[in-house]
Amino acid sequence: MAERGRRKSLVGTVTSDKMNKTITVSAERLEKHPRYGKYIRRRTLCKAHDENNEARAGDTVEIMAARPLSKTKRWRLVRVIKRAVM
């Protein structure tokens, strides 16, 4: 059996954990402005499947691309890298 291709993965911060089995992850990146050359902070918001409701707001997590799980959910939680300090 052939091995599956490498899937996209992101590291980001959980911004919301209010939904059941779903988290919202904010992944930040720096982009260079095309004309002025200044680096701009951009972010991508992704909804990810969290089967065991283990991630909390503020945690740093790794998510991986998955098949569409709902209308907006296309990622799944791989692991919690760092817990939020409360």
PDB file of N, CA and C in Angstrom:
ATOM      1  N   MET A   1       0.845  -1.183   0.000  1.00  0.00           N
ATOM      2  CA  MET A   1       0.000   0.000   0.000  1.00  0.00           C
ATOM      3  C   MET A   1       0.890   1.247   0.000  1.00  0.00           C
ATOM      4  N   ALA A   2       0.616   2.182  -0.872  1.00  0.00           N
ATOM      5  CA  ALA A   2       1.425   3.397  -0.982  1.00  0.00           C
ATOM      6  C   ALA A   2       1.142   4.338   0.181  1.00  0.00           C
ATOM      7  N   GLU A   3       2.195   5.049   0.603  1.00  0.00           N
ATOM      8  CA  GLU A   3       2.037   6.004   1.690  1.00  0.00           C
ATOM      9  C   GLU A   3       1.358   7.266   1.167  1.00  0.00           C
ATOM     10  N   ARG A   4       0.515   7.870   2.001  1.00  0.00           N
ATOM     11  CA  ARG A   4      -0.199   9.083   1.588  1.00  0.00           C
ATOM     12  C   ARG A   4       0.762  10.263   1.534  1.00  0.00           C
ATOM     13  N   GLY A   5       0.389  11.267   0.745  1.00  0.00           N
ATOM     14  CA  GLY A   5       1.221  12.447   0.600  1.00  0.00           C
ATOM     15  C   GLY A   5       1.294  13.260   1.884  1.00  0.00           C
ATOM     16  N   ARG A   6       2.292  14.136   1.933  1.00  0.00           N
ATOM     17  CA  ARG A   6       2.454  14.998   3.101  1.00  0.00           C
ATOM     18  C   ARG A   6       1.295  15.990   3.134  1.00  0.00           C
ATOM     19  N   ARG A   7       0.671  16.128   4.306  1.00  0.00           N
ATOM     20  CA  ARG A   7      -0.427  17.063   4.443  1.00  0.00           C
ATOM     21  C   ARG A   7       0.079  18.372   5.032  1.00  0.00           C
ATOM     22  N   LYS A   8      -0.607  19.461   4.722  1.00  0.00           N
ATOM     23  CA  LYS A   8      -0.235  20.757   5.271  1.00  0.00           C
ATOM     24  C   LYS A   8      -0.449  20.741   6.772  1.00  0.00           C
ATOM     25  N   SER A   9       0.446  21.392   7.481  1.00  0.00           N
ATOM     26  CA  SER A   9       0.252  21.543   8.916  1.00  0.00           C
ATOM     27  C   SER A   9       0.593  22.969   9.306  1.00  0.00           C
ATOM     28  N   LEU A  10      -0.062  23.455  10.331  1.00  0.00           N
ATOM     29  CA  LEU A  10       0.124  24.814  10.833  1.00  0.00           C
ATOM     30  C   LEU A  10       0.328  24.767  12.331  1.00  0.00           C
ATOM     31  N   VAL A  11       1.068  25.741  12.846  1.00  0.00           N
ATOM     32  CA  VAL A  11       1.185  25.932  14.290  1.00  0.00           C
ATOM     33  C   VAL A  11       0.554  27.274  14.593  1.00  0.00           C
ATOM     34  N   GLY A  12      -0.358  27.288  15.554  1.00  0.00           N
ATOM     35  CA  GLY A  12      -1.051  28.529  15.878  1.00  0.00           C
ATOM     36  C   GLY A  12      -1.559  28.525  17.304  1.00  0.00           C
ATOM     37  N   THR A  13      -2.284  29.587  17.641  1.00  0.00           N
ATOM     38  CA  THR A  13      -2.829  29.771  18.979  1.00  0.00           C
ATOM     39  C   THR A  13      -4.335  29.597  18.943  1.00  0.00           C
ATOM     40  N   VAL A  14      -4.873  28.877  19.917  1.00  0.00           N
ATOM     41  CA  VAL A  14      -6.321  28.674  20.003  1.00  0.00           C
ATOM     42  C   VAL A  14      -6.960  29.981  20.470  1.00  0.00           C
ATOM     43  N   THR A  15      -7.885  30.507  19.662  1.00  0.00           N
ATOM     44  CA  THR A  15      -8.570  31.747  20.031  1.00  0.00           C
ATOM     45  C   THR A  15      -9.948  31.477  20.612  1.00  0.00           C
ATOM     46  N   SER A  16     -10.532  30.320  20.287  1.00  0.00           N
ATOM     47  CA  SER A  16     -11.856  29.985  20.815  1.00  0.00           C
ATOM     48  C   SER A  16     -11.982  28.480  20.984  1.00  0.00           C
ATOM     49  N   ASP A  17     -12.559  28.077  22.124  1.00  0.00           N
ATOM     50  CA  ASP A  17     -12.824  26.660  22.366  1.00  0.00           C
ATOM     51  C   ASP A  17     -14.261  26.461  22.843  1.00  0.00           C
ATOM     52  N   LYS A  18     -15.135  27.387  22.481  1.00  0.00           N
ATOM     53  CA  LYS A  18     -16.508  27.382  22.984  1.00  0.00           C
ATOM     54  C   LYS A  18     -17.411  26.355  22.298  1.00  0.00           C
ATOM     55  N   MET A  19     -17.023  25.903  21.110  1.00  0.00           N
ATOM     56  CA  MET A  19     -17.838  24.917  20.387  1.00  0.00           C
ATOM     57  C   MET A  19     -17.484  23.506  20.846  1.00  0.00           C
ATOM     58  N   ASN A  20     -18.410  22.588  20.687  1.00  0.00           N
ATOM     59  CA  ASN A  20     -18.165  21.203  21.061  1.00  0.00           C
ATOM     60  C   ASN A  20     -17.340  20.512  19.982  1.00  0.00           C
ATOM     61  N   LYS A  21     -16.171  19.971  20.362  1.00  0.00           N
ATOM     62  CA  LYS A  21     -15.252  19.260  19.472  1.00  0.00           C
ATOM     63  C   LYS A  21     -14.695  20.131  18.349  1.00  0.00           C
ATOM     64  N   THR A  22     -14.726  21.447  18.509  1.00  0.00           N
ATOM     65  CA  THR A  22     -14.188  22.360  17.496  1.00  0.00           C
ATOM     66  C   THR A  22     -13.416  23.478  18.182  1.00  0.00           C
ATOM     67  N   ILE A  23     -12.268  23.814  17.625  1.00  0.00           N
ATOM     68  CA  ILE A  23     -11.495  24.956  18.111  1.00  0.00           C
ATOM     69  C   ILE A  23     -11.222  25.890  16.941  1.00  0.00           C
ATOM     70  N   THR A  24     -11.025  27.166  17.244  1.00  0.00           N
ATOM     71  CA  THR A  24     -10.619  28.142  16.239  1.00  0.00           C
ATOM     72  C   THR A  24      -9.155  28.467  16.503  1.00  0.00           C
ATOM     73  N   VAL A  25      -8.322  28.312  15.475  1.00  0.00           N
ATOM     74  CA  VAL A  25      -6.885  28.509  15.607  1.00  0.00           C
ATOM     75  C   VAL A  25      -6.463  29.689  14.753  1.00  0.00           C
ATOM     76  N   SER A  26      -5.669  30.585  15.348  1.00  0.00           N
ATOM     77  CA  SER A  26      -5.133  31.741  14.640  1.00  0.00           C
ATOM     78  C   SER A  26      -3.654  31.490  14.356  1.00  0.00           C
ATOM     79  N   ALA A  27      -3.289  31.432  13.067  1.00  0.00           N
ATOM     80  CA  ALA A  27      -1.898  31.218  12.661  1.00  0.00           C
ATOM     81  C   ALA A  27      -1.372  32.523  12.075  1.00  0.00           C
ATOM     82  N   GLU A  28      -0.307  33.065  12.678  1.00  0.00           N
ATOM     83  CA  GLU A  28       0.254  34.333  12.216  1.00  0.00           C
ATOM     84  C   GLU A  28       1.436  34.104  11.288  1.00  0.00           C
ATOM     85  N   ARG A  29       1.603  35.041  10.341  1.00  0.00           N
ATOM     86  CA  ARG A  29       2.741  35.001   9.440  1.00  0.00           C
ATOM     87  C   ARG A  29       3.156  36.437   9.136  1.00  0.00           C
ATOM     88  N   LEU A  30       4.383  36.628   8.697  1.00  0.00           N
ATOM     89  CA  LEU A  30       4.866  37.945   8.290  1.00  0.00           C
ATOM     90  C   LEU A  30       4.955  37.976   6.772  1.00  0.00           C
ATOM     91  N   GLU A  31       4.389  39.031   6.170  1.00  0.00           N
ATOM     92  CA  GLU A  31       4.410  39.207   4.720  1.00  0.00           C
ATOM     93  C   GLU A  31       5.073  40.528   4.402  1.00  0.00           C
ATOM     94  N   LYS A  32       5.891  40.535   3.377  1.00  0.00           N
ATOM     95  CA  LYS A  32       6.557  41.769   2.973  1.00  0.00           C
ATOM     96  C   LYS A  32       5.622  42.570   2.073  1.00  0.00           C
ATOM     97  N   HIS A  33       5.461  43.855   2.353  1.00  0.00           N
ATOM     98  CA  HIS A  33       4.620  44.717   1.525  1.00  0.00           C
ATOM     99  C   HIS A  33       5.268  44.845   0.148  1.00  0.00           C
ATOM    100  N   PRO A  34       4.468  44.683  -0.920  1.00  0.00           N
ATOM    101  CA  PRO A  34       5.067  44.667  -2.263  1.00  0.00           C
ATOM    102  C   PRO A  34       5.764  45.967  -2.663  1.00  0.00           C
ATOM    103  N   ARG A  35       5.263  47.103  -2.231  1.00  0.00           N
ATOM    104  CA  ARG A  35       5.872  48.370  -2.633  1.00  0.00           C
ATOM    105  C   ARG A  35       6.845  48.914  -1.598  1.00  0.00           C
ATOM    106  N   TYR A  36       6.442  48.914  -0.328  1.00  0.00           N
ATOM    107  CA  TYR A  36       7.219  49.603   0.703  1.00  0.00           C
ATOM    108  C   TYR A  36       8.203  48.705   1.440  1.00  0.00           C
ATOM    109  N   GLY A  37       8.085  47.411   1.285  1.00  0.00           N
ATOM    110  CA  GLY A  37       9.074  46.516   1.873  1.00  0.00           C
ATOM    111  C   GLY A  37       8.911  46.255   3.360  1.00  0.00           C
ATOM    112  N   LYS A  38       7.977  46.931   4.001  1.00  0.00           N
ATOM    113  CA  LYS A  38       7.747  46.725   5.436  1.00  0.00           C
ATOM    114  C   LYS A  38       7.057  45.371   5.645  1.00  0.00           C
ATOM    115  N   TYR A  39       7.433  44.686   6.708  1.00  0.00           N
ATOM    116  CA  TYR A  39       6.799  43.413   7.022  1.00  0.00           C
ATOM    117  C   TYR A  39       5.499  43.647   7.770  1.00  0.00           C
ATOM    118  N   ILE A  40       4.436  42.996   7.298  1.00  0.00           N
ATOM    119  CA  ILE A  40       3.093  43.159   7.868  1.00  0.00           C
ATOM    120  C   ILE A  40       2.698  41.850   8.516  1.00  0.00           C
ATOM    121  N   ARG A  41       2.110  41.942   9.694  1.00  0.00           N
ATOM    122  CA  ARG A  41       1.649  40.753  10.400  1.00  0.00           C
ATOM    123  C   ARG A  41       0.260  40.382   9.883  1.00  0.00           C
ATOM    124  N   ARG A  42       0.141  39.189   9.329  1.00  0.00           N
ATOM    125  CA  ARG A  42      -1.142  38.695   8.817  1.00  0.00           C
ATOM    126  C   ARG A  42      -1.515  37.449   9.605  1.00  0.00           C
ATOM    127  N   ARG A  43      -2.810  37.138   9.641  1.00  0.00           N
ATOM    128  CA  ARG A  43      -3.211  35.921  10.343  1.00  0.00           C
ATOM    129  C   ARG A  43      -4.285  35.181   9.563  1.00  0.00           C
ATOM    130  N   THR A  44      -4.316  33.882   9.765  1.00  0.00           N
ATOM    131  CA  THR A  44      -5.297  33.016   9.146  1.00  0.00           C
ATOM    132  C   THR A  44      -6.096  32.355  10.265  1.00  0.00           C
ATOM    133  N   LEU A  45      -7.418  32.394  10.176  1.00  0.00           N
ATOM    134  CA  LEU A  45      -8.272  31.737  11.159  1.00  0.00           C
ATOM    135  C   LEU A  45      -8.754  30.415  10.579  1.00  0.00           C
ATOM    136  N   CYS A  46      -8.525  29.328  11.301  1.00  0.00           N
ATOM    137  CA  CYS A  46      -8.922  27.995  10.854  1.00  0.00           C
ATOM    138  C   CYS A  46      -9.763  27.338  11.933  1.00  0.00           C
ATOM    139  N   LYS A  47     -10.791  26.608  11.509  1.00  0.00           N
ATOM    140  CA  LYS A  47     -11.568  25.805  12.452  1.00  0.00           C
ATOM    141  C   LYS A  47     -11.013  24.383  12.384  1.00  0.00           C
ATOM    142  N   ALA A  48     -10.750  23.799  13.546  1.00  0.00           N
ATOM    143  CA  ALA A  48     -10.141  22.476  13.602  1.00  0.00           C
ATOM    144  C   ALA A  48     -10.950  21.540  14.483  1.00  0.00           C
ATOM    145  N   HIS A  49     -10.933  20.263  14.128  1.00  0.00           N
ATOM    146  CA  HIS A  49     -11.656  19.240  14.881  1.00  0.00           C
ATOM    147  C   HIS A  49     -10.811  18.800  16.076  1.00  0.00           C
ATOM    148  N   ASP A  50     -11.396  18.891  17.270  1.00  0.00           N
ATOM    149  CA  ASP A  50     -10.737  18.503  18.519  1.00  0.00           C
ATOM    150  C   ASP A  50     -11.602  17.427  19.162  1.00  0.00           C
ATOM    151  N   GLU A  51     -11.336  16.173  18.821  1.00  0.00           N
ATOM    152  CA  GLU A  51     -12.196  15.053  19.210  1.00  0.00           C
ATOM    153  C   GLU A  51     -12.425  14.950  20.712  1.00  0.00           C
ATOM    154  N   ASN A  52     -11.374  15.175  21.518  1.00  0.00           N
ATOM    155  CA  ASN A  52     -11.483  14.983  22.969  1.00  0.00           C
ATOM    156  C   ASN A  52     -11.644  16.279  23.748  1.00  0.00           C
ATOM    157  N   ASN A  53     -11.878  17.398  23.072  1.00  0.00           N
ATOM    158  CA  ASN A  53     -11.999  18.717  23.721  1.00  0.00           C
ATOM    159  C   ASN A  53     -10.820  18.984  24.651  1.00  0.00           C
ATOM    160  N   GLU A  54      -9.602  18.704  24.177  1.00  0.00           N
ATOM    161  CA  GLU A  54      -8.429  18.844  25.032  1.00  0.00           C
ATOM    162  C   GLU A  54      -7.769  20.216  24.955  1.00  0.00           C
ATOM    163  N   ALA A  55      -7.941  20.956  23.863  1.00  0.00           N
ATOM    164  CA  ALA A  55      -7.303  22.265  23.710  1.00  0.00           C
ATOM    165  C   ALA A  55      -8.145  23.344  24.376  1.00  0.00           C
ATOM    166  N   ARG A  56      -7.476  24.321  24.965  1.00  0.00           N
ATOM    167  CA  ARG A  56      -8.128  25.453  25.626  1.00  0.00           C
ATOM    168  C   ARG A  56      -7.660  26.754  24.977  1.00  0.00           C
ATOM    169  N   ALA A  57      -8.411  27.817  25.172  1.00  0.00           N
ATOM    170  CA  ALA A  57      -8.051  29.125  24.614  1.00  0.00           C
ATOM    171  C   ALA A  57      -6.668  29.535  25.120  1.00  0.00           C
ATOM    172  N   GLY A  58      -5.834  29.990  24.205  1.00  0.00           N
ATOM    173  CA  GLY A  58      -4.485  30.424  24.556  1.00  0.00           C
ATOM    174  C   GLY A  58      -3.423  29.366  24.333  1.00  0.00           C
ATOM    175  N   ASP A  59      -3.802  28.101  24.168  1.00  0.00           N
ATOM    176  CA  ASP A  59      -2.841  27.028  23.926  1.00  0.00           C
ATOM    177  C   ASP A  59      -2.199  27.188  22.553  1.00  0.00           C
ATOM    178  N   THR A  60      -0.944  26.768  22.439  1.00  0.00           N
ATOM    179  CA  THR A  60      -0.278  26.691  21.150  1.00  0.00           C
ATOM    180  C   THR A  60      -0.446  25.260  20.653  1.00  0.00           C
ATOM    181  N   VAL A  61      -1.001  25.112  19.444  1.00  0.00           N
ATOM    182  CA  VAL A  61      -1.325  23.783  18.932  1.00  0.00           C
ATOM    183  C   VAL A  61      -0.798  23.590  17.517  1.00  0.00           C
ATOM    184  N   GLU A  62      -0.697  22.326  17.126  1.00  0.00           N
ATOM    185  CA  GLU A  62      -0.371  21.979  15.747  1.00  0.00           C
ATOM    186  C   GLU A  62      -1.620  21.358  15.140  1.00  0.00           C
ATOM    187  N   ILE A  63      -2.010  21.841  13.943  1.00  0.00           N
ATOM    188  CA  ILE A  63      -3.172  21.298  13.249  1.00  0.00           C
ATOM    189  C   ILE A  63      -2.733  20.804  11.876  1.00  0.00           C
ATOM    190  N   MET A  64      -3.511  19.869  11.329  1.00  0.00           N
ATOM    191  CA  MET A  64      -3.180  19.260  10.045  1.00  0.00           C
ATOM    192  C   MET A  64      -4.399  19.307   9.134  1.00  0.00           C
ATOM    193  N   ALA A  65      -4.180  19.514   7.852  1.00  0.00           N
ATOM    194  CA  ALA A  65      -5.267  19.548   6.877  1.00  0.00           C
ATOM    195  C   ALA A  65      -5.981  18.201   6.845  1.00  0.00           C
ATOM    196  N   ALA A  66      -7.306  18.243   6.668  1.00  0.00           N
ATOM    197  CA  ALA A  66      -8.110  17.023   6.621  1.00  0.00           C
ATOM    198  C   ALA A  66      -9.194  17.201   5.562  1.00  0.00           C
ATOM    199  N   ARG A  67      -9.928  16.138   5.330  1.00  0.00           N
ATOM    200  CA  ARG A  67     -11.062  16.256   4.415  1.00  0.00           C
ATOM    201  C   ARG A  67     -12.099  17.179   5.055  1.00  0.00           C
ATOM    202  N   PRO A  68     -13.014  17.771   4.287  1.00  0.00           N
ATOM    203  CA  PRO A  68     -14.034  18.639   4.882  1.00  0.00           C
ATOM    204  C   PRO A  68     -14.874  17.881   5.914  1.00  0.00           C
ATOM    205  N   LEU A  69     -14.887  18.390   7.144  1.00  0.00           N
ATOM    206  CA  LEU A  69     -15.625  17.752   8.230  1.00  0.00           C
ATOM    207  C   LEU A  69     -16.970  18.423   8.457  1.00  0.00           C
ATOM    208  N   SER A  70     -17.099  19.669   8.034  1.00  0.00           N
ATOM    209  CA  SER A  70     -18.366  20.402   8.102  1.00  0.00           C
ATOM    210  C   SER A  70     -18.273  21.547   7.109  1.00  0.00           C
ATOM    211  N   LYS A  71     -19.199  22.476   7.188  1.00  0.00           N
ATOM    212  CA  LYS A  71     -19.209  23.606   6.242  1.00  0.00           C
ATOM    213  C   LYS A  71     -17.913  24.423   6.309  1.00  0.00           C
ATOM    214  N   THR A  72     -17.383  24.625   7.506  1.00  0.00           N
ATOM    215  CA  THR A  72     -16.198  25.468   7.659  1.00  0.00           C
ATOM    216  C   THR A  72     -14.976  24.737   8.206  1.00  0.00           C
ATOM    217  N   LYS A  73     -15.124  23.497   8.649  1.00  0.00           N
ATOM    218  CA  LYS A  73     -14.028  22.769   9.305  1.00  0.00           C
ATOM    219  C   LYS A  73     -13.254  21.929   8.297  1.00  0.00           C
ATOM    220  N   ARG A  74     -11.944  22.279   8.116  1.00  0.00           N
ATOM    221  CA  ARG A  74     -11.092  21.543   7.185  1.00  0.00           C
ATOM    222  C   ARG A  74      -9.765  21.126   7.809  1.00  0.00           C
ATOM    223  N   TRP A  75      -9.631  21.225   9.117  1.00  0.00           N
ATOM    224  CA  TRP A  75      -8.395  20.902   9.820  1.00  0.00           C
ATOM    225  C   TRP A  75      -8.717  19.999  11.000  1.00  0.00           C
ATOM    226  N   ARG A  76      -7.680  19.295  11.500  1.00  0.00           N
ATOM    227  CA  ARG A  76      -7.862  18.519  12.719  1.00  0.00           C
ATOM    228  C   ARG A  76      -6.660  18.727  13.620  1.00  0.00           C
ATOM    229  N   LEU A  77      -6.914  18.637  14.913  1.00  0.00           N
ATOM    230  CA  LEU A  77      -5.867  18.853  15.913  1.00  0.00           C
ATOM    231  C   LEU A  77      -4.914  17.670  15.929  1.00  0.00           C
ATOM    232  N   VAL A  78      -3.602  17.957  15.879  1.00  0.00           N
ATOM    233  CA  VAL A  78      -2.593  16.912  15.957  1.00  0.00           C
ATOM    234  C   VAL A  78      -2.114  16.776  17.395  1.00  0.00           C
ATOM    235  N   ARG A  79      -1.688  17.910  17.994  1.00  0.00           N
ATOM    236  CA  ARG A  79      -1.194  17.887  19.366  1.00  0.00           C
ATOM    237  C   ARG A  79      -1.211  19.284  19.962  1.00  0.00           C
ATOM    238  N   VAL A  80      -1.232  19.325  21.278  1.00  0.00           N
ATOM    239  CA  VAL A  80      -1.091  20.589  22.008  1.00  0.00           C
ATOM    240  C   VAL A  80       0.392  20.746  22.305  1.00  0.00           C
ATOM    241  N   ILE A  81       1.004  21.795  21.769  1.00  0.00           N
ATOM    242  CA  ILE A  81       2.435  22.009  21.938  1.00  0.00           C
ATOM    243  C   ILE A  81       2.737  22.624  23.299  1.00  0.00           C
ATOM    244  N   LYS A  82       1.967  23.675  23.641  1.00  0.00           N
ATOM    245  CA  LYS A  82       2.220  24.394  24.899  1.00  0.00           C
ATOM    246  C   LYS A  82       0.900  24.833  25.497  1.00  0.00           C
ATOM    247  N   ARG A  83       0.712  24.568  26.763  1.00  0.00           N
ATOM    248  CA  ARG A  83      -0.501  24.966  27.467  1.00  0.00           C
ATOM    249  C   ARG A  83      -0.471  26.449  27.800  1.00  0.00           C
ATOM    250  N   ALA A  84      -1.639  27.076  27.824  1.00  0.00           N
ATOM    251  CA  ALA A  84      -1.737  28.494  28.187  1.00  0.00           C
ATOM    252  C   ALA A  84      -1.502  28.657  29.679  1.00  0.00           C
ATOM    253  N   VAL A  85      -0.852  29.752  30.057  1.00  0.00           N
ATOM    254  CA  VAL A  85      -0.620  30.052  31.468  1.00  0.00           C
ATOM    255  C   VAL A  85      -1.843  30.804  31.985  1.00  0.00           C
ATOM    256  N   MET A  86      -2.444  30.261  33.019  1.00  0.00           N
ATOM    257  CA  MET A  86      -3.655  30.901  33.578  1.00  0.00           C
ATOM    258  C   MET A  86      -3.343  31.657  34.828  1.00  0.00           C
TER     259      MET A  86
END
